[in-house]
């Protein structure tokens, strides 16, 4: 199982009101995304993944300081 498949499976198991929107440009990755629907996670596995995802070690900025993001933009306020 690939990390992306695990991430999609986690989202799929969170309930009927959660819909992941995976993006890909390659058929191989599209097939992997579809295969994620067949992954079955036990409640214990979901709890373990949630404990990791909610830990402080996972939180933080997505991009390193060397990458320009929206935070660095000089956008005028909406008025």
Foldseek 3Di string as FASTA:
>chain_A
DDPVLVVLLLQVVPDPVGDDDDDDDDPVVVVSNVCSVVDDDDPVRSVVVVVVCPDPVNDDDPDDPVDDDPVPDDDDDDD
